[in-house]
Amino acid sequence: MNNSKISTLSKVMLLVVMALLVSSVFVPMWRIELSAPQYPEGLVLLLHADKIAGDVDIINGLNHYIGMKTLHKEDFIEFTVLPYIIVFFALCALAVAVIAMKKGLYALFISFILFGILAGVDFYRWNYEYGHNLDPNAAIQVPGMSYQPPLLGYKQLLNFGAYSIPDTGGWMLIAAGLLLFIAVIKETNLLNRFKKSNTTAVLLVFLTFSFFSCAKTEVVPIKLNVDTCDFCKMTIADGKYAAEVISEKGRVFKFDDIMCMIQYGKENANTKIAAYYVSDYVQDNVLIPAKTAFFISEGTIQSPMRGGVIAFSSENDAKEFGIKFKAKPITWEAIIAK
C-alpha cells in the first residue's frame, strides 16, 4: 500500500469540497443586518462573491447623512477576483482528488486556511475604513463616533443595531474548510495518536464554542438620558428601574422599566432571548442577571411606566425596601408569567 496516497473517503470529501466552493459563488457569502425603531422590519446588506445586494440604496442614503462612503461594487477589487479565487480552490480540490497525493491535500488545506485569514483581515480593513473615514461635512456628526460594523456578531451604532454573520455561501466555505481539516486529520492518523485521550475532541469542542461565542455580547451599559426604551420608546432617565435583554444573535434591547422588558418579550416572541438583565435598585445604573436577582412588586413602588417591579442583588436589600415600599416579594418566574 502506498502511504503517500489519500484514501477513497478523503477523495469523496474533496469532491464535496469542490461542490461547496463552486456553489458558494452563486449565493450570499455574508450578511449584515441592521435594526432600528424607524425600520421595524430591519435592513440587510448581502455580500456575494461578485456583488453587493440587499437594501443597498437605503443603506447608502443613511450612510450619506453620517458621512460614510456609499457602497458600490466597482469600488472593491475583491468582487472581481474573489469568484476566480474560489473557483481556483475548487479546481485544486478536484486535482488533489484525482492525483490522490497526501502532500497535495496538506498544501490545499494550508493554502485555504491562509486564504480565510487574509479574507478576514481584508474584511476587517474594509469595515474599518468605511466606519472611520467619514466626510467632515456630513449632515449628522457625532464627535468621537465611528460606524465600523462588527466583523462577527452584534454591535450598537447609535440607534442602529448591526449584526454580522456568514450567509449561505459563508457557511459553505466554513463547511469546506472543516471537511479539509477532517481529511487532513484522517490522512495524518492524528485520531489514532490521540486514541487514548480526548485531546482532539476537546480541541474541536473548544474551537466550535469559540467561533459561535463570537456572536454573543456582554452587557452593554445603559446611557441615561440618551438610550430609549425599545418598548415604550421613552428616553431611559432613571437607572434604578432599567432593564436589558440580549438575544441569541447578540442584539441588545434596552428598557426603562422591567415590565416594558416583559411586554416586549411577549409581543416579540420570535426574538429568542439569551439573557435578561435588570438594574440593582440600590446601585447606580448597574445591571445584574435577572435569574439571580431578588424582586419586590406593587406597594408604593413608582417605576417609570408604572410596572411596579424593582430588583436587588441582595436579598436583605429586597426585604428592607419591601418594608419601605410596602411591597411583596416576587420571583422572576412569576414576573415572566405576568
Protein backbone atom coordinates (compact mmCIF):
# COMPACT_ATOMS: atom_id res chain seq x y z
CA MET A 1 0.00 0.00 0.00
CA ASN A 2 1.31 3.44 -0.96
CA ASN A 3 1.32 5.62 2.15
CA SER A 4 1.63 8.77 0.06
CA LYS A 5 -1.86 8.28 -1.41
CA ILE A 6 -5.07 9.54 0.20
CA SER A 7 -7.99 7.25 0.95
CA THR A 8 -11.20 6.92 -1.03
CA LEU A 9 -13.10 8.67 1.77
CA SER A 10 -10.79 11.68 1.54
CA LYS A 11 -11.30 11.76 -2.22
CA VAL A 12 -15.06 11.88 -1.70
CA MET A 13 -14.67 14.69 0.82
CA LEU A 14 -12.55 16.63 -1.66
CA LEU A 15 -15.25 16.29 -4.30
CA VAL A 16 -17.79 17.60 -1.78
CA VAL A 17 -15.42 20.48 -1.02
CA MET A 18 -15.26 21.28 -4.72
CA ALA A 19 -19.07 21.30 -4.96
CA LEU A 20 -19.40 23.52 -1.89
CA LEU A 21 -16.87 26.02 -3.19
CA VAL A 22 -18.47 26.29 -6.63
CA SER A 23 -21.95 26.60 -5.12
CA SER A 24 -20.84 29.34 -2.72
CA VAL A 25 -20.19 31.69 -5.65
CA PHE A 26 -23.90 31.80 -6.51
CA VAL A 27 -25.32 32.64 -3.06
CA PRO A 28 -24.65 35.40 -0.48
CA MET A 29 -21.39 34.94 1.41
CA TRP A 30 -22.05 37.30 4.30
CA ARG A 31 -24.89 39.37 5.68
CA ILE A 32 -25.02 42.46 7.85
CA GLU A 33 -28.44 43.06 9.38
CA LEU A 34 -29.42 46.49 10.64
CA SER A 35 -32.29 47.15 13.03
CA ALA A 36 -33.66 50.44 14.32
CA PRO A 37 -37.01 51.80 15.57
CA GLN A 38 -37.62 53.56 12.24
CA TYR A 39 -37.04 50.30 10.36
CA PRO A 40 -39.07 47.70 12.30
CA GLU A 41 -38.57 45.07 9.59
CA GLY A 42 -34.84 45.75 9.51
CA LEU A 43 -32.39 46.30 6.68
CA VAL A 44 -29.90 43.82 5.30
CA LEU A 45 -26.68 44.07 3.32
CA LEU A 46 -25.83 40.89 1.41
CA LEU A 47 -22.26 40.36 0.28
CA HIS A 48 -21.88 37.92 -2.61
CA ALA A 49 -18.59 36.80 -4.11
CA ASP A 50 -19.14 39.19 -7.01
CA LYS A 51 -21.63 41.85 -5.89
CA ILE A 52 -23.44 43.70 -3.11
CA ALA A 53 -27.16 43.08 -2.71
CA GLY A 54 -29.98 43.70 -0.26
CA ASP A 55 -31.17 47.13 0.85
CA VAL A 56 -28.14 48.84 -0.68
CA ASP A 57 -29.87 52.04 -1.81
CA ILE A 58 -31.49 52.68 1.57
CA ILE A 59 -28.25 51.97 3.43
CA ASN A 60 -26.31 54.23 1.07
CA GLY A 61 -28.80 57.00 1.79
CA LEU A 62 -28.28 56.59 5.53
CA ASN A 63 -24.51 56.43 5.08
CA HIS A 64 -24.56 59.72 3.20
CA TYR A 65 -26.09 61.56 6.16
CA ILE A 66 -23.46 60.34 8.64
CA GLY A 67 -20.52 60.82 6.27
CA MET A 68 -19.79 57.22 5.31
CA LYS A 69 -18.89 56.38 1.74
CA THR A 70 -21.66 54.86 -0.32
CA LEU A 71 -21.25 51.23 -1.31
CA HIS A 72 -20.66 50.33 -4.94
CA LYS A 73 -19.38 47.09 -6.42
CA GLU A 74 -16.95 48.98 -8.65
CA ASP A 75 -15.06 50.30 -5.61
CA PHE A 76 -13.99 46.84 -4.49
CA ILE A 77 -11.49 44.76 -6.43
CA GLU A 78 -12.49 41.84 -4.20
CA PHE A 79 -15.74 41.40 -6.12
CA THR A 80 -13.71 40.93 -9.30
CA VAL A 81 -11.09 38.48 -8.06
CA LEU A 82 -12.93 36.55 -5.34
CA PRO A 83 -15.02 34.32 -7.66
CA TYR A 84 -11.85 33.31 -9.51
CA ILE A 85 -10.03 32.54 -6.26
CA ILE A 86 -12.87 30.34 -5.03
CA VAL A 87 -13.12 28.50 -8.36
CA PHE A 88 -9.33 28.06 -8.29
CA PHE A 89 -9.58 26.34 -4.90
CA ALA A 90 -12.43 24.20 -6.24
CA LEU A 91 -10.26 23.07 -9.17
CA CYS A 92 -7.39 22.39 -6.77
CA ALA A 93 -9.69 20.19 -4.68
CA LEU A 94 -10.64 18.27 -7.82
CA ALA A 95 -7.00 17.94 -8.85
CA VAL A 96 -5.96 16.62 -5.43
CA ALA A 97 -8.85 14.12 -5.52
CA VAL A 98 -7.66 12.86 -8.92
CA ILE A 99 -3.92 12.84 -8.15
CA ALA A 100 -4.65 11.48 -4.65
CA MET A 101 -1.40 12.69 -3.10
CA LYS A 102 -1.27 13.50 0.61
CA LYS A 103 1.14 16.37 0.06
CA GLY A 104 -1.38 17.94 -2.29
CA LEU A 105 -4.09 17.66 0.39
CA TYR A 106 -1.87 19.26 3.02
CA ALA A 107 -0.88 22.08 0.67
CA LEU A 108 -4.52 22.70 -0.23
CA PHE A 109 -5.58 22.80 3.42
CA ILE A 110 -2.82 25.21 4.46
CA SER A 111 -3.49 27.45 1.45
CA PHE A 112 -7.22 27.51 2.18
CA ILE A 113 -6.64 28.44 5.82
CA LEU A 114 -4.29 31.25 4.79
CA PHE A 115 -6.90 32.45 2.30
CA GLY A 116 -9.51 32.51 5.07
CA ILE A 117 -7.24 34.52 7.35
CA LEU A 118 -6.39 37.03 4.62
CA ALA A 119 -10.07 37.35 3.69
CA GLY A 120 -10.95 38.06 7.33
CA VAL A 121 -8.21 40.69 7.61
CA ASP A 122 -9.36 42.31 4.37
CA PHE A 123 -12.98 42.35 5.54
CA TYR A 124 -11.94 43.96 8.82
CA ARG A 125 -9.90 46.57 6.93
CA TRP A 126 -12.86 47.29 4.68
CA ASN A 127 -15.18 47.71 7.69
CA TYR A 128 -12.64 49.91 9.48
CA GLU A 129 -12.09 52.26 6.56
CA TYR A 130 -15.79 52.70 5.90
CA GLY A 131 -16.55 53.19 9.57
CA HIS A 132 -13.78 55.66 10.36
CA ASN A 133 -13.05 57.65 7.19
CA LEU A 134 -16.04 59.97 7.44
CA ASP A 135 -16.94 63.07 5.46
CA PRO A 136 -16.21 66.09 7.71
CA ASN A 137 -19.08 67.94 6.02
CA ALA A 138 -21.69 65.28 6.77
CA ALA A 139 -25.14 66.44 7.83
CA ILE A 140 -25.02 64.37 11.02
CA GLN A 141 -21.82 64.43 13.06
CA VAL A 142 -21.25 62.87 16.47
CA PRO A 143 -17.85 63.80 17.95
CA GLY A 144 -15.69 60.73 18.52
CA MET A 145 -18.23 58.41 16.91
CA SER A 146 -17.24 55.81 14.31
CA TYR A 147 -19.54 53.45 12.44
CA GLN A 148 -17.44 50.35 11.92
CA PRO A 149 -19.72 47.29 11.65
CA PRO A 150 -18.72 44.20 13.63
CA LEU A 151 -16.60 41.59 11.90
CA LEU A 152 -18.76 38.93 13.51
CA GLY A 153 -21.62 39.31 15.96
CA TYR A 154 -23.52 42.33 17.22
CA LYS A 155 -22.63 45.98 17.73
CA GLN A 156 -24.71 49.04 18.59
CA LEU A 157 -24.15 52.01 16.26
CA LEU A 158 -26.15 55.00 17.53
CA ASN A 159 -29.80 53.91 17.26
CA PHE A 160 -28.95 51.08 14.86
CA GLY A 161 -28.08 47.57 15.89
CA ALA A 162 -25.70 45.87 13.44
CA TYR A 163 -25.47 42.08 13.30
CA SER A 164 -22.82 40.45 11.10
CA ILE A 165 -22.80 36.73 10.33
CA PRO A 166 -21.94 34.32 7.49
CA ASP A 167 -24.72 33.72 4.99
CA THR A 168 -25.28 30.55 2.97
CA GLY A 169 -22.09 30.91 0.93
CA GLY A 170 -20.05 31.68 4.02
CA TRP A 171 -21.29 28.57 5.77
CA MET A 172 -20.41 26.58 2.63
CA LEU A 173 -16.83 27.88 2.83
CA ILE A 174 -16.68 27.02 6.53
CA ALA A 175 -18.01 23.53 5.78
CA ALA A 176 -15.40 23.12 3.05
CA GLY A 177 -12.66 24.10 5.48
CA LEU A 178 -13.95 21.64 8.08
CA LEU A 179 -14.03 18.82 5.53
CA LEU A 180 -10.45 19.57 4.53
CA PHE A 181 -9.50 19.57 8.20
CA ILE A 182 -11.18 16.19 8.72
CA ALA A 183 -9.41 14.78 5.66
CA VAL A 184 -6.06 16.00 6.97
CA ILE A 185 -6.77 14.50 10.40
CA LYS A 186 -7.62 11.19 8.77
CA GLU A 187 -4.61 11.07 6.47
CA THR A 188 -2.15 12.03 9.22
CA ASN A 189 -3.65 9.45 11.61
CA LEU A 190 -3.93 12.07 14.34
CA LEU A 191 -7.02 10.34 15.72
CA ASN A 192 -5.01 7.19 16.33
CA ARG A 193 -2.28 9.18 18.05
CA PHE A 194 -4.80 10.67 20.45
CA LYS A 195 -6.83 7.50 20.77
CA LYS A 196 -6.07 7.16 24.47
CA SER A 197 -7.06 10.71 25.24
CA ASN A 198 -9.84 13.14 24.45
CA THR A 199 -7.46 15.84 23.24
CA THR A 200 -8.86 16.01 19.72
CA ALA A 201 -12.47 16.04 20.85
CA VAL A 202 -11.76 18.72 23.44
CA LEU A 203 -9.96 20.82 20.81
CA LEU A 204 -12.86 20.56 18.36
CA VAL A 205 -15.40 21.46 21.02
CA PHE A 206 -13.27 24.42 22.10
CA LEU A 207 -12.90 25.71 18.55
CA THR A 208 -16.61 25.33 17.87
CA PHE A 209 -17.54 27.10 21.10
CA SER A 210 -15.03 29.88 20.43
CA PHE A 211 -16.45 30.50 16.97
CA PHE A 212 -20.09 30.63 17.97
CA SER A 213 -19.43 32.59 21.15
CA CYS A 214 -18.23 35.44 18.93
CA ALA A 215 -21.87 36.07 18.11
CA LYS A 216 -22.62 36.79 21.75
CA THR A 217 -22.11 40.06 23.52
CA GLU A 218 -21.59 41.25 27.05
CA VAL A 219 -23.93 43.54 28.91
CA VAL A 220 -23.99 46.98 27.31
CA PRO A 221 -24.22 49.80 29.87
CA ILE A 222 -27.36 51.89 29.56
CA LYS A 223 -26.69 55.52 28.68
CA LEU A 224 -29.12 57.51 30.78
CA ASN A 225 -30.95 60.33 29.01
CA VAL A 226 -29.57 59.02 25.69
CA ASP A 227 -30.87 55.48 25.17
CA THR A 228 -34.55 54.93 24.50
CA CYS A 229 -36.78 52.11 25.65
CA ASP A 230 -37.28 49.54 22.89
CA PHE A 231 -40.87 49.01 24.03
CA CYS A 232 -42.41 52.35 25.00
CA LYS A 233 -39.85 54.49 23.09
CA MET A 234 -39.37 56.80 26.09
CA THR A 235 -35.89 58.04 26.98
CA ILE A 236 -34.33 55.99 29.77
CA ALA A 237 -33.73 58.51 32.55
CA ASP A 238 -33.52 56.51 35.79
CA GLY A 239 -31.02 53.67 36.10
CA LYS A 240 -32.73 52.21 39.17
CA TYR A 241 -35.57 50.78 37.09
CA ALA A 242 -33.91 49.99 33.76
CA ALA A 243 -33.56 46.57 32.17
CA GLU A 244 -31.90 44.93 29.20
CA VAL A 245 -32.14 41.76 27.15
CA ILE A 246 -29.61 40.15 24.84
CA SER A 247 -30.91 37.97 22.04
CA GLU A 248 -29.28 34.74 20.90
CA LYS A 249 -27.93 36.71 17.95
CA GLY A 250 -26.25 39.11 20.36
CA ARG A 251 -28.62 42.02 19.82
CA VAL A 252 -29.19 44.29 22.79
CA PHE A 253 -32.59 45.75 23.68
CA LYS A 254 -32.92 48.32 26.45
CA PHE A 255 -35.91 49.29 28.58
CA ASP A 256 -36.82 51.97 31.12
CA ASP A 257 -38.99 49.60 33.16
CA ILE A 258 -38.75 45.89 33.94
CA MET A 259 -42.34 45.39 32.81
CA CYS A 260 -41.55 47.10 29.50
CA MET A 261 -38.98 44.36 29.00
CA ILE A 262 -41.53 41.66 29.83
CA GLN A 263 -44.16 43.11 27.49
CA TYR A 264 -41.60 43.47 24.71
CA GLY A 265 -40.75 39.79 25.05
CA LYS A 266 -44.41 38.81 24.78
CA GLU A 267 -45.01 40.97 21.71
CA ASN A 268 -41.82 39.78 20.02
CA ALA A 269 -41.99 36.08 20.69
CA ASN A 270 -39.89 35.33 17.61
CA THR A 271 -36.91 37.06 19.21
CA LYS A 272 -35.02 34.35 21.05
CA ILE A 273 -33.65 35.76 24.29
CA ALA A 274 -30.28 34.58 25.58
CA ALA A 275 -30.21 36.63 28.79
CA TYR A 276 -32.27 39.09 30.83
CA TYR A 277 -30.69 41.82 32.95
CA VAL A 278 -32.24 44.20 35.46
CA SER A 279 -30.90 47.19 37.37
CA ASP A 280 -29.97 46.78 41.01
CA TYR A 281 -32.14 49.40 42.72
CA VAL A 282 -29.53 50.31 45.34
CA GLN A 283 -26.67 50.77 42.86
CA ASP A 284 -26.06 53.44 40.27
CA ASN A 285 -27.24 52.07 36.92
CA VAL A 286 -25.72 48.61 37.45
CA LEU A 287 -27.24 45.68 35.55
CA ILE A 288 -27.41 42.24 37.14
CA PRO A 289 -28.69 38.88 35.79
CA ALA A 290 -32.45 38.66 36.29
CA LYS A 291 -32.26 34.98 37.19
CA THR A 292 -30.16 35.68 40.29
CA ALA A 293 -31.89 38.91 41.33
CA PHE A 294 -34.40 39.40 44.15
CA PHE A 295 -37.59 41.27 43.28
CA ILE A 296 -40.36 43.12 45.06
CA SER A 297 -43.61 44.25 43.49
CA GLU A 298 -46.56 46.60 43.92
CA GLY A 299 -46.98 48.63 47.11
CA THR A 300 -45.87 52.24 46.66
CA ILE A 301 -43.24 51.47 44.00
CA GLN A 302 -43.48 54.02 41.20
CA SER A 303 -41.39 52.83 38.28
CA PRO A 304 -41.30 54.93 35.07
CA MET A 305 -44.11 53.08 33.27
CA ARG A 306 -45.91 52.01 36.45
CA GLY A 307 -44.67 48.45 36.13
CA GLY A 308 -44.27 48.35 39.89
CA VAL A 309 -41.33 45.92 39.99
CA ILE A 310 -37.78 46.61 41.18
CA ALA A 311 -34.76 44.33 41.58
CA PHE A 312 -31.89 43.84 44.00
CA SER A 313 -28.70 41.81 44.04
CA SER A 314 -29.09 41.27 47.79
CA GLU A 315 -31.99 39.53 49.49
CA ASN A 316 -31.52 41.74 52.55
CA ASP A 317 -31.90 44.86 50.42
CA ALA A 318 -35.05 43.42 48.88
CA LYS A 319 -36.52 42.80 52.33
CA GLU A 320 -35.54 46.25 53.58
CA PHE A 321 -37.08 48.08 50.63
CA GLY A 322 -40.04 45.73 50.66
CA ILE A 323 -40.92 47.12 54.09
CA LYS A 324 -40.23 50.69 52.96
CA PHE A 325 -42.46 50.43 49.87
CA LYS A 326 -45.00 48.07 51.46
CA ALA A 327 -44.24 45.73 48.57
CA LYS A 328 -44.36 41.97 48.26
CA PRO A 329 -41.53 39.67 47.17
CA ILE A 330 -41.99 38.13 43.75
CA THR A 331 -39.98 35.56 41.82
CA TRP A 332 -38.51 36.03 38.36
CA GLU A 333 -40.69 33.18 37.11
CA ALA A 334 -43.81 34.98 38.34
CA ILE A 335 -42.70 38.21 36.64
CA ILE A 336 -42.19 36.40 33.34
CA ALA A 337 -45.68 34.94 33.65
CA LYS A 338 -47.35 38.33 34.23
